[in-house]
């Protein structure tokens, strides 16, 4: 009887240890996925700002529009962690103001470098939208896993803080959405 009891308790302990190890590994993989998603989002945001700076410096736009776009793109690239969401939202609003001008795309398409810049800008804006959604999805999954009672009780996440969502205004200009 006692040998059977010891065997059953041993199996339960081993299964519990395997399950806890699996949960800790899953949490670790989620944090790696979160880091990769954050890097992808950062790369997409930097690329969008670079294309905006390139458009502003191309002399295709009028000087006032170029200045406003360049200032917003520069602010987005140089903003610190606390101001980043606000600066990126400002860049999105500036892009909408610039590209949603009457016949803007047609005027830009008539220039030599215009079509290529429009194509790059369209791709950069779309990548920001997708990268932010992917990152916020990864944040939601990681936060959910960290909040489970087993992860909290056994501190499987260590001292890792809950990741924060990256909330910006990333609506593309209506001129881009129409195409």
Protein backbone atom coordinates (compact mmCIF):
# COMPACT_ATOMS: atom_id res chain seq x y z
CA UNK A 1 0.00 0.00 0.00
CA UNK A 2 2.70 2.47 0.97
CA UNK A 3 4.79 1.66 -2.13
CA UNK A 4 1.76 2.38 -4.31
CA UNK A 5 1.13 5.63 -2.48
CA UNK A 6 4.76 6.70 -2.90
CA UNK A 7 4.60 5.84 -6.61
CA UNK A 8 1.39 7.83 -7.11
CA UNK A 9 2.77 10.83 -5.20
CA UNK A 10 6.00 10.58 -7.21
CA UNK A 11 4.10 10.55 -10.51
CA UNK A 12 2.02 13.54 -9.40
CA UNK A 13 5.15 15.47 -8.40
CA UNK A 14 6.86 14.67 -11.71
CA UNK A 15 3.79 15.65 -13.74
CA UNK A 16 3.44 18.87 -11.76
CA UNK A 17 7.11 19.69 -12.33
CA UNK A 18 6.77 19.01 -16.06
CA UNK A 19 3.68 21.21 -16.26
CA UNK A 20 5.33 24.08 -14.34
CA UNK A 21 8.41 23.79 -16.55
CA UNK A 22 6.24 23.85 -19.67
CA UNK A 23 4.41 26.98 -18.44
CA UNK A 24 7.70 28.72 -17.64
CA UNK A 25 9.05 27.85 -21.10
CA UNK A 26 5.89 29.12 -22.74
CA UNK A 27 6.12 32.38 -20.81
CA UNK A 28 9.75 32.73 -21.88
CA UNK A 29 8.81 32.14 -25.54
CA UNK A 30 6.04 34.73 -25.25
CA UNK A 31 8.53 37.28 -23.94
CA UNK A 32 10.90 36.52 -26.82
CA UNK A 33 8.01 36.94 -29.26
CA UNK A 34 7.16 40.23 -27.56
CA UNK A 35 10.72 41.50 -27.91
CA UNK A 36 10.80 40.57 -31.59
CA UNK A 37 7.46 42.25 -32.18
CA UNK A 38 8.72 45.40 -30.45
CA UNK A 39 11.84 45.43 -32.62
CA UNK A 40 9.71 44.99 -35.71
CA UNK A 41 7.44 47.85 -34.63
CA UNK A 42 10.44 50.10 -33.95
CA UNK A 43 11.88 49.27 -37.38
CA UNK A 44 8.57 50.04 -39.08
CA UNK A 45 8.24 53.35 -37.25
CA UNK A 46 11.81 54.36 -38.12
CA UNK A 47 11.24 53.38 -41.75
CA UNK A 48 8.05 55.45 -41.95
CA UNK A 49 9.83 58.47 -40.48
CA UNK A 50 12.74 58.00 -42.91
CA UNK A 51 10.40 57.89 -45.92
CA UNK A 52 8.61 61.00 -44.64
CA UNK A 53 11.96 62.80 -44.30
CA UNK A 54 12.89 61.67 -47.79
CA UNK A 55 9.60 63.00 -49.14
CA UNK A 56 10.05 66.28 -47.29
CA UNK A 57 13.60 66.68 -48.64
CA UNK A 58 12.68 65.72 -52.21
CA UNK A 59 11.59 69.28 -53.16
CA UNK A 60 8.42 67.82 -54.60
CA UNK A 61 6.27 69.36 -51.88
CA UNK A 62 5.80 73.05 -51.29
CA UNK A 63 8.21 74.48 -48.67
CA UNK A 64 5.64 74.85 -45.88
CA UNK A 65 4.37 71.28 -46.27
CA UNK A 66 7.94 69.98 -46.42
CA UNK A 67 8.83 71.81 -43.24
CA UNK A 68 5.81 70.54 -41.32
CA UNK A 69 6.35 66.96 -42.51
CA UNK A 70 10.09 67.05 -41.76
CA UNK A 71 9.47 68.47 -38.28
CA UNK A 72 6.93 65.76 -37.46
CA UNK A 73 9.18 63.00 -38.81
CA UNK A 74 12.20 64.35 -36.91
CA UNK A 75 10.19 64.56 -33.70
CA UNK A 76 9.03 60.95 -34.16
CA UNK A 77 12.60 59.72 -34.70
CA UNK A 78 14.11 61.58 -31.76
CA UNK A 79 11.32 61.23 -29.21
CA UNK A 80 12.15 59.49 -25.96
CA UNK A 81 10.20 56.50 -24.66
CA UNK A 82 7.71 58.69 -22.78
CA UNK A 83 6.92 60.92 -25.77
CA UNK A 84 7.16 58.29 -28.53
CA UNK A 85 3.46 57.43 -28.79
CA UNK A 86 2.49 61.10 -28.95
CA UNK A 87 5.18 61.93 -31.54
CA UNK A 88 4.21 58.97 -33.74
CA UNK A 89 0.54 59.97 -33.55
CA UNK A 90 1.50 63.51 -34.58
CA UNK A 91 3.37 62.10 -37.58
CA UNK A 92 0.28 60.09 -38.57
CA UNK A 93 -1.91 63.18 -38.34
CA UNK A 94 0.61 65.21 -40.34
CA UNK A 95 0.74 62.53 -43.02
CA UNK A 96 -3.03 62.57 -43.27
CA UNK A 97 -3.03 66.37 -43.56
CA UNK A 98 -0.37 66.26 -46.29
CA UNK A 99 -1.62 63.35 -48.35
CA UNK A 100 -5.31 64.14 -48.08
CA UNK A 101 -4.89 67.47 -49.83
CA UNK A 102 -6.94 67.83 -52.98
CA UNK A 103 -5.30 66.04 -55.93
CA UNK A 104 -2.11 65.48 -53.93
CA UNK A 105 -1.43 62.00 -55.26
CA UNK A 106 -2.06 63.03 -58.86
CA UNK A 107 0.30 66.01 -58.54
CA UNK A 108 2.97 63.86 -56.91
CA UNK A 109 2.60 61.11 -59.52
CA UNK A 110 3.38 63.65 -62.25
CA UNK A 111 6.88 64.24 -60.87
CA UNK A 112 9.85 62.01 -61.67
CA UNK A 113 10.48 60.67 -58.14
CA UNK A 114 6.85 60.93 -56.99
CA UNK A 115 5.50 57.47 -57.85
CA UNK A 116 8.43 55.72 -56.17
CA UNK A 117 8.11 57.82 -53.02
CA UNK A 118 4.35 57.21 -52.90
CA UNK A 119 4.91 53.47 -53.20
CA UNK A 120 7.52 53.52 -50.41
CA UNK A 121 5.26 55.65 -48.22
CA UNK A 122 2.26 53.39 -48.79
CA UNK A 123 4.34 50.35 -47.81
CA UNK A 124 5.83 52.07 -44.76
CA UNK A 125 2.45 53.23 -43.46
CA UNK A 126 0.92 49.77 -43.96
CA UNK A 127 3.85 48.11 -42.14
CA UNK A 128 3.37 50.40 -39.15
CA UNK A 129 -0.30 49.44 -38.92
CA UNK A 130 0.46 45.71 -39.09
CA UNK A 131 3.50 45.85 -36.79
CA UNK A 132 1.55 47.73 -34.11
CA UNK A 133 -1.33 45.26 -34.27
CA UNK A 134 1.07 42.33 -34.05
CA UNK A 135 2.90 43.92 -31.11
CA UNK A 136 -0.30 44.74 -29.22
CA UNK A 137 -1.52 41.18 -29.81
CA UNK A 138 1.74 39.84 -28.36
CA UNK A 139 1.36 42.19 -25.37
CA UNK A 140 -2.16 40.93 -24.72
CA UNK A 141 -1.09 37.28 -24.81
CA UNK A 142 1.96 37.90 -22.58
CA UNK A 143 -0.06 39.88 -20.05
CA UNK A 144 -2.68 37.16 -19.94
CA UNK A 145 -0.03 34.50 -19.34
CA UNK A 146 1.65 36.59 -16.63
CA UNK A 147 -1.66 37.11 -14.80
CA UNK A 148 -2.42 33.42 -14.40
CA UNK A 149 -2.34 32.22 -10.83
CA UNK A 150 0.48 29.73 -11.42
CA UNK A 151 2.75 32.37 -13.00
CA UNK A 152 2.01 34.81 -10.19
CA UNK A 153 2.32 32.27 -7.37
CA UNK A 154 5.58 30.73 -8.55
CA UNK A 155 6.89 34.00 -10.06
CA UNK A 156 7.51 32.31 -13.40
CA UNK A 157 7.96 35.71 -15.08
CA UNK A 158 10.60 36.70 -12.54
CA UNK A 159 10.68 40.45 -12.02
CA UNK A 160 9.42 41.24 -15.51
CA UNK A 161 6.87 44.03 -15.51
CA UNK A 162 3.65 43.77 -17.44
CA UNK A 163 4.33 44.92 -20.99
CA UNK A 164 2.50 48.04 -22.12
CA UNK A 165 0.41 48.35 -25.24
CA UNK A 166 1.66 50.79 -27.91
CA UNK A 167 -1.32 52.99 -28.63
CA UNK A 168 -0.90 55.46 -31.46
CA UNK A 169 -3.09 57.03 -34.08
CA UNK A 170 -1.93 55.00 -37.08
CA UNK A 171 -4.93 55.45 -39.35
CA UNK A 172 -3.60 55.74 -42.90
CA UNK A 173 -4.51 58.78 -44.99
CA UNK A 174 -7.80 58.31 -46.82
CA UNK A 175 -5.94 58.72 -50.12
CA UNK A 176 -4.04 55.51 -49.27
CA UNK A 177 -7.05 53.63 -47.97
CA UNK A 178 -8.93 54.31 -51.21
CA UNK A 179 -6.38 52.42 -53.28
